PDB file of N, CA and C in Angstrom:
ATOM      1  N   MET A   1      -4.283   4.077 -13.028  1.00  0.00           N
ATOM      2  CA  MET A   1      -3.654   4.117 -11.828  1.00  0.00           C
ATOM      3  C   MET A   1      -2.850   2.621 -12.177  1.00  0.00           C
ATOM      4  N   GLY A   2      -1.381   2.549 -12.853  1.00  0.00           N
ATOM      5  CA  GLY A   2      -1.023   1.370 -13.147  1.00  0.00           C
ATOM      6  C   GLY A   2      -0.954   0.491 -11.823  1.00  0.00           C
ATOM      7  N   LEU A   3      -0.316  -1.133 -12.055  1.00  0.00           N
ATOM      8  CA  LEU A   3       0.180  -1.548 -11.582  1.00  0.00           C
ATOM      9  C   LEU A   3       1.791  -1.488 -11.026  1.00  0.00           C
ATOM     10  N   LYS A   4       1.854  -1.676  -9.428  1.00  0.00           N
ATOM     11  CA  LYS A   4       3.140  -1.523  -8.541  1.00  0.00           C
ATOM     12  C   LYS A   4       3.392  -2.879  -8.229  1.00  0.00           C
ATOM     13  N   TRP A   5       4.637  -2.906  -7.698  1.00  0.00           N
ATOM     14  CA  TRP A   5       5.526  -4.317  -7.306  1.00  0.00           C
ATOM     15  C   TRP A   5       4.784  -4.511  -6.083  1.00  0.00           C
ATOM     16  N   THR A   6       4.186  -3.849  -5.330  1.00  0.00           N
ATOM     17  CA  THR A   6       3.481  -3.951  -4.090  1.00  0.00           C
ATOM     18  C   THR A   6       2.092  -4.549  -4.029  1.00  0.00           C
ATOM     19  N   ASP A   7       1.364  -4.705  -5.520  1.00  0.00           N
ATOM     20  CA  ASP A   7      -0.021  -4.818  -5.761  1.00  0.00           C
ATOM     21  C   ASP A   7       0.114  -6.506  -6.422  1.00  0.00           C
ATOM     22  N   SER A   8       0.532  -7.373  -5.012  1.00  0.00           N
ATOM     23  CA  SER A   8       0.803  -8.314  -5.795  1.00  0.00           C
ATOM     24  C   SER A   8      -0.440  -9.368  -5.755  1.00  0.00           C
ATOM     25  N   GLU A   9      -1.397  -9.240  -5.358  1.00  0.00           N
ATOM     26  CA  GLU A   9      -2.994  -9.711  -5.913  1.00  0.00           C
ATOM     27  C   GLU A   9      -3.341  -9.472  -7.393  1.00  0.00           C
ATOM     28  N   ASP A  10      -3.619  -8.603  -7.634  1.00  0.00           N
ATOM     29  CA  ASP A  10      -3.630  -8.219  -8.498  1.00  0.00           C
ATOM     30  C   ASP A  10      -2.742  -8.359 -10.184  1.00  0.00           C
ATOM     31  N   ILE A  11      -1.428  -8.306  -9.726  1.00  0.00           N
ATOM     32  CA  ILE A  11      -0.407  -8.511 -10.666  1.00  0.00           C
ATOM     33  C   ILE A  11      -0.689 -10.520 -11.033  1.00  0.00           C
ATOM     34  N   ALA A  12      -1.087 -10.746  -9.887  1.00  0.00           N
ATOM     35  CA  ALA A  12      -1.117 -12.681  -9.776  1.00  0.00           C
ATOM     36  C   ALA A  12      -2.530 -13.262 -10.620  1.00  0.00           C
ATOM     37  N   PHE A  13      -3.343 -12.282 -10.456  1.00  0.00           N
ATOM     38  CA  PHE A  13      -4.728 -12.225 -11.190  1.00  0.00           C
ATOM     39  C   PHE A  13      -4.873 -11.965 -12.638  1.00  0.00           C
ATOM     40  N   GLU A  14      -3.722 -10.592 -13.184  1.00  0.00           N
ATOM     41  CA  GLU A  14      -2.733 -10.667 -14.283  1.00  0.00           C
ATOM     42  C   GLU A  14      -2.352 -11.636 -15.130  1.00  0.00           C
ATOM     43  N   LEU A  15      -1.479 -11.900 -14.310  1.00  0.00           N
ATOM     44  CA  LEU A  15      -0.509 -13.389 -14.689  1.00  0.00           C
ATOM     45  C   LEU A  15      -1.154 -14.764 -15.066  1.00  0.00           C
ATOM     46  N   LEU A  16      -2.670 -14.835 -14.231  1.00  0.00           N
ATOM     47  CA  LEU A  16      -3.155 -16.101 -14.225  1.00  0.00           C
ATOM     48  C   LEU A  16      -4.140 -16.234 -15.926  1.00  0.00           C
ATOM     49  N   GLU A  17      -4.675 -14.708 -15.782  1.00  0.00           N
ATOM     50  CA  GLU A  17      -5.320 -14.198 -17.005  1.00  0.00           C
ATOM     51  C   GLU A  17      -4.504 -14.642 -18.211  1.00  0.00           C
ATOM     52  N   ARG A  18      -3.397 -13.859 -18.555  1.00  0.00           N
ATOM     53  CA  ARG A  18      -2.471 -13.564 -19.210  1.00  0.00           C
ATOM     54  C   ARG A  18      -1.348 -15.446 -19.777  1.00  0.00           C
ATOM     55  N   TYR A  19      -1.501 -16.059 -18.317  1.00  0.00           N
ATOM     56  CA  TYR A  19      -0.722 -17.560 -18.680  1.00  0.00           C
ATOM     57  C   TYR A  19      -1.586 -18.168 -17.921  1.00  0.00           C
ATOM     58  N   PRO A  20      -2.395 -18.435 -18.687  1.00  0.00           N
ATOM     59  CA  PRO A  20      -3.453 -20.084 -17.585  1.00  0.00           C
ATOM     60  C   PRO A  20      -2.836 -21.273 -17.726  1.00  0.00           C
ATOM     61  N   GLN A  21      -2.106 -21.609 -18.931  1.00  0.00           N
ATOM     62  CA  GLN A  21      -1.534 -22.611 -18.518  1.00  0.00           C
ATOM     63  C   GLN A  21       0.002 -22.861 -17.750  1.00  0.00           C
ATOM     64  N   ILE A  22       0.511 -21.827 -17.636  1.00  0.00           N
ATOM     65  CA  ILE A  22       1.813 -21.934 -16.534  1.00  0.00           C
ATOM     66  C   ILE A  22       1.709 -21.917 -15.241  1.00  0.00           C
ATOM     67  N   GLU A  23       2.036 -23.367 -14.266  1.00  0.00           N
ATOM     68  CA  GLU A  23       2.316 -23.906 -12.982  1.00  0.00           C
ATOM     69  C   GLU A  23       3.230 -22.638 -12.279  1.00  0.00           C
ATOM     70  N   PRO A  24       2.738 -21.573 -11.374  1.00  0.00           N
ATOM     71  CA  PRO A  24       3.730 -20.624 -11.141  1.00  0.00           C
ATOM     72  C   PRO A  24       4.374 -20.943 -10.593  1.00  0.00           C
ATOM     73  N   LEU A  25       4.801 -21.895 -10.160  1.00  0.00           N
ATOM     74  CA  LEU A  25       6.034 -22.799  -9.137  1.00  0.00           C
ATOM     75  C   LEU A  25       7.056 -22.846  -9.611  1.00  0.00           C
ATOM     76  N   THR A  26       6.866 -23.497 -11.062  1.00  0.00           N
ATOM     77  CA  THR A  26       7.844 -23.895 -12.460  1.00  0.00           C
ATOM     78  C   THR A  26       8.543 -22.115 -12.494  1.00  0.00           C
ATOM     79  N   VAL A  27       8.000 -21.408 -12.316  1.00  0.00           N
ATOM     80  CA  VAL A  27       8.377 -19.753 -13.264  1.00  0.00           C
ATOM     81  C   VAL A  27       9.818 -19.329 -12.178  1.00  0.00           C
ATOM     82  N   ARG A  28      10.973 -19.416 -13.445  1.00  0.00           N
ATOM     83  CA  ARG A  28      12.064 -19.048 -12.006  1.00  0.00           C
ATOM     84  C   ARG A  28      11.583 -17.568 -11.981  1.00  0.00           C
ATOM     85  N   PHE A  29      12.567 -16.884 -11.147  1.00  0.00           N
ATOM     86  CA  PHE A  29      12.453 -15.158 -11.034  1.00  0.00           C
ATOM     87  C   PHE A  29      12.862 -14.419 -12.152  1.00  0.00           C
ATOM     88  N   THR A  30      13.605 -14.926 -12.236  1.00  0.00           N
ATOM     89  CA  THR A  30      14.105 -13.447 -13.582  1.00  0.00           C
ATOM     90  C   THR A  30      12.790 -14.311 -14.923  1.00  0.00           C
ATOM     91  N   ASP A  31      12.325 -14.685 -14.951  1.00  0.00           N
ATOM     92  CA  ASP A  31      11.332 -14.739 -15.939  1.00  0.00           C
ATOM     93  C   ASP A  31       9.916 -14.626 -15.776  1.00  0.00           C
ATOM     94  N   LEU A  32       9.311 -14.532 -14.092  1.00  0.00           N
ATOM     95  CA  LEU A  32       8.600 -13.817 -13.499  1.00  0.00           C
ATOM     96  C   LEU A  32       8.729 -12.106 -13.590  1.00  0.00           C
ATOM     97  N   HIS A  33       9.857 -11.795 -13.147  1.00  0.00           N
ATOM     98  CA  HIS A  33       9.917 -10.507 -13.511  1.00  0.00           C
ATOM     99  C   HIS A  33      10.128  -9.821 -14.874  1.00  0.00           C
ATOM    100  N   ARG A  34      10.252 -10.579 -15.824  1.00  0.00           N
ATOM    101  CA  ARG A  34       9.849 -10.175 -16.714  1.00  0.00           C
ATOM    102  C   ARG A  34       7.993 -10.448 -17.532  1.00  0.00           C
ATOM    103  N   TYR A  35       7.512 -11.524 -16.826  1.00  0.00           N
ATOM    104  CA  TYR A  35       6.430 -11.428 -17.301  1.00  0.00           C
ATOM    105  C   TYR A  35       5.573  -9.739 -16.508  1.00  0.00           C
ATOM    106  N   VAL A  36       5.826 -10.113 -15.337  1.00  0.00           N
ATOM    107  CA  VAL A  36       5.588  -8.970 -14.394  1.00  0.00           C
ATOM    108  C   VAL A  36       5.273  -7.585 -15.023  1.00  0.00           C
ATOM    109  N   THR A  37       6.798  -7.318 -15.866  1.00  0.00           N
ATOM    110  CA  THR A  37       7.327  -5.812 -16.368  1.00  0.00           C
ATOM    111  C   THR A  37       6.368  -5.782 -17.880  1.00  0.00           C
ATOM    112  N   GLU A  38       5.954  -6.703 -18.165  1.00  0.00           N
ATOM    113  CA  GLU A  38       5.341  -7.105 -19.620  1.00  0.00           C
ATOM    114  C   GLU A  38       4.014  -7.176 -19.478  1.00  0.00           C
ATOM    115  N   LEU A  39       3.519  -6.562 -18.622  1.00  0.00           N
ATOM    116  CA  LEU A  39       1.714  -6.596 -18.327  1.00  0.00           C
ATOM    117  C   LEU A  39       1.937  -5.180 -18.636  1.00  0.00           C
ATOM    118  N   PRO A  40       0.706  -4.883 -19.857  1.00  0.00           N
ATOM    119  CA  PRO A  40       0.212  -3.628 -20.412  1.00  0.00           C
ATOM    120  C   PRO A  40      -0.246  -2.706 -19.048  1.00  0.00           C
ATOM    121  N   ASP A  41      -0.520  -3.259 -17.995  1.00  0.00           N
ATOM    122  CA  ASP A  41      -1.226  -2.019 -16.775  1.00  0.00           C
ATOM    123  C   ASP A  41       0.136  -2.010 -15.712  1.00  0.00           C
ATOM    124  N   PHE A  42       1.378  -2.838 -16.065  1.00  0.00           N
ATOM    125  CA  PHE A  42       2.557  -2.479 -14.988  1.00  0.00           C
ATOM    126  C   PHE A  42       3.211  -0.588 -15.373  1.00  0.00           C
ATOM    127  N   GLU A  43       3.266   0.200 -14.289  1.00  0.00           N
ATOM    128  CA  GLU A  43       4.142   1.009 -14.300  1.00  0.00           C
ATOM    129  C   GLU A  43       5.013   1.259 -13.177  1.00  0.00           C
ATOM    130  N   ASP A  44       5.731   0.308 -12.701  1.00  0.00           N
ATOM    131  CA  ASP A  44       6.548   0.912 -11.478  1.00  0.00           C
ATOM    132  C   ASP A  44       7.675   0.777 -12.442  1.00  0.00           C
ATOM    133  N   ASP A  45       8.938   0.846 -11.756  1.00  0.00           N
ATOM    134  CA  ASP A  45      10.334   0.991 -11.899  1.00  0.00           C
ATOM    135  C   ASP A  45      10.684  -0.733 -11.855  1.00  0.00           C
ATOM    136  N   PRO A  46      10.736  -1.269 -12.918  1.00  0.00           N
ATOM    137  CA  PRO A  46      11.337  -2.675 -13.257  1.00  0.00           C
ATOM    138  C   PRO A  46      12.675  -3.097 -12.211  1.00  0.00           C
ATOM    139  N   LYS A  47      13.240  -2.028 -11.688  1.00  0.00           N
ATOM    140  CA  LYS A  47      14.948  -2.114 -10.860  1.00  0.00           C
ATOM    141  C   LYS A  47      14.443  -2.332  -9.078  1.00  0.00           C
ATOM    142  N   LYS A  48      12.972  -1.940  -8.944  1.00  0.00           N
ATOM    143  CA  LYS A  48      12.621  -1.931  -7.587  1.00  0.00           C
ATOM    144  C   LYS A  48      12.007  -3.160  -7.149  1.00  0.00           C
ATOM    145  N   SER A  49      11.819  -4.281  -7.721  1.00  0.00           N
ATOM    146  CA  SER A  49      12.077  -5.374  -7.453  1.00  0.00           C
ATOM    147  C   SER A  49      13.201  -6.020  -6.614  1.00  0.00           C
ATOM    148  N   SER A  50      12.823  -6.857  -5.889  1.00  0.00           N
ATOM    149  CA  SER A  50      13.698  -8.070  -5.157  1.00  0.00           C
ATOM    150  C   SER A  50      12.980  -9.341  -4.964  1.00  0.00           C
ATOM    151  N   GLU A  51      13.793 -10.308  -3.977  1.00  0.00           N
ATOM    152  CA  GLU A  51      13.568 -11.587  -4.345  1.00  0.00           C
ATOM    153  C   GLU A  51      12.237 -11.585  -3.576  1.00  0.00           C
ATOM    154  N   GLY A  52      11.865 -11.055  -2.450  1.00  0.00           N
ATOM    155  CA  GLY A  52      10.937 -11.084  -1.430  1.00  0.00           C
ATOM    156  C   GLY A  52       9.376 -10.531  -2.482  1.00  0.00           C
ATOM    157  N   ILE A  53       9.929  -9.260  -3.033  1.00  0.00           N
ATOM    158  CA  ILE A  53       8.529  -9.506  -4.150  1.00  0.00           C
ATOM    159  C   ILE A  53       8.071 -10.358  -4.822  1.00  0.00           C
ATOM    160  N   LEU A  54       9.111 -10.430  -5.488  1.00  0.00           N
ATOM    161  CA  LEU A  54       8.989 -11.898  -6.749  1.00  0.00           C
ATOM    162  C   LEU A  54       8.267 -13.102  -5.984  1.00  0.00           C
ATOM    163  N   GLU A  55       8.787 -13.227  -4.988  1.00  0.00           N
ATOM    164  CA  GLU A  55       8.490 -14.370  -4.111  1.00  0.00           C
ATOM    165  C   GLU A  55       6.924 -14.399  -3.903  1.00  0.00           C
ATOM    166  N   ALA A  56       6.559 -12.997  -3.014  1.00  0.00           N
ATOM    167  CA  ALA A  56       4.878 -12.838  -2.541  1.00  0.00           C
ATOM    168  C   ALA A  56       4.385 -12.905  -3.930  1.00  0.00           C
ATOM    169  N   ILE A  57       4.605 -12.148  -5.331  1.00  0.00           N
ATOM    170  CA  ILE A  57       4.089 -12.218  -6.402  1.00  0.00           C
ATOM    171  C   ILE A  57       3.563 -13.695  -6.840  1.00  0.00           C
ATOM    172  N   GLN A  58       5.041 -14.902  -6.764  1.00  0.00           N
ATOM    173  CA  GLN A  58       4.633 -15.863  -7.436  1.00  0.00           C
ATOM    174  C   GLN A  58       3.505 -17.159  -6.445  1.00  0.00           C
ATOM    175  N   MET A  59       3.619 -16.877  -5.061  1.00  0.00           N
ATOM    176  CA  MET A  59       2.535 -17.206  -3.960  1.00  0.00           C
ATOM    177  C   MET A  59       1.117 -16.996  -3.946  1.00  0.00           C
ATOM    178  N   ALA A  60       1.028 -15.307  -4.577  1.00  0.00           N
ATOM    179  CA  ALA A  60      -0.128 -15.010  -4.796  1.00  0.00           C
ATOM    180  C   ALA A  60      -1.116 -15.884  -5.794  1.00  0.00           C
ATOM    181  N   TRP A  61       0.205 -16.071  -7.303  1.00  0.00           N
ATOM    182  CA  TRP A  61      -0.169 -16.418  -8.623  1.00  0.00           C
ATOM    183  C   TRP A  61      -0.789 -17.665  -8.572  1.00  0.00           C
ATOM    184  N   HIS A  62       0.171 -18.442  -7.011  1.00  0.00           N
ATOM    185  CA  HIS A  62      -0.030 -20.327  -7.303  1.00  0.00           C
ATOM    186  C   HIS A  62      -1.641 -20.136  -6.403  1.00  0.00           C
ATOM    187  N   GLU A  63      -1.625 -19.518  -6.005  1.00  0.00           N
ATOM    188  CA  GLU A  63      -3.217 -19.374  -5.178  1.00  0.00           C
ATOM    189  C   GLU A  63      -4.222 -19.261  -6.328  1.00  0.00           C
ATOM    190  N   GLU A  64      -3.961 -18.172  -7.085  1.00  0.00           N
ATOM    191  CA  GLU A  64      -4.722 -17.807  -7.794  1.00  0.00           C
ATOM    192  C   GLU A  64      -5.515 -19.149  -8.744  1.00  0.00           C
ATOM    193  N   TYR A  65      -4.162 -19.801  -9.365  1.00  0.00           N
ATOM    194  CA  TYR A  65      -3.348 -21.084 -10.095  1.00  0.00           C
ATOM    195  C   TYR A  65      -4.735 -21.909  -9.489  1.00  0.00           C
ATOM    196  N   LYS A  66      -4.295 -22.274  -8.322  1.00  0.00           N
ATOM    197  CA  LYS A  66      -5.027 -23.719  -7.559  1.00  0.00           C
ATOM    198  C   LYS A  66      -6.448 -23.421  -7.533  1.00  0.00           C
ATOM    199  N   ASP A  67      -6.699 -22.118  -7.770  1.00  0.00           N
ATOM    200  CA  ASP A  67      -9.309 -21.626  -7.689  1.00  0.00           C
ATOM    201  C   ASP A  67      -9.003 -21.548  -8.789  1.00  0.00           C
ATOM    202  N   ALA A  68      -8.566 -21.469  -9.909  1.00  0.00           N
ATOM    203  CA  ALA A  68      -8.859 -21.710 -11.032  1.00  0.00           C
ATOM    204  C   ALA A  68      -9.309 -22.810 -11.576  1.00  0.00           C
TER     205      ALA A  68
END
């Protein structure tokens, strides 16, 4: 069962593991979109993202980053 755009918490955890040195709030949405779609477990349609979805992922990633 792969990751979907709505799995913001799971995506955030995977992004933190893959890019531990990146401060999530410095990432542009175009780069974030690429990071998410390049995750090995990501299986959703890349065209189904939106600014709101990317923002939710970025905020979840930021929370994981702060807690790490």
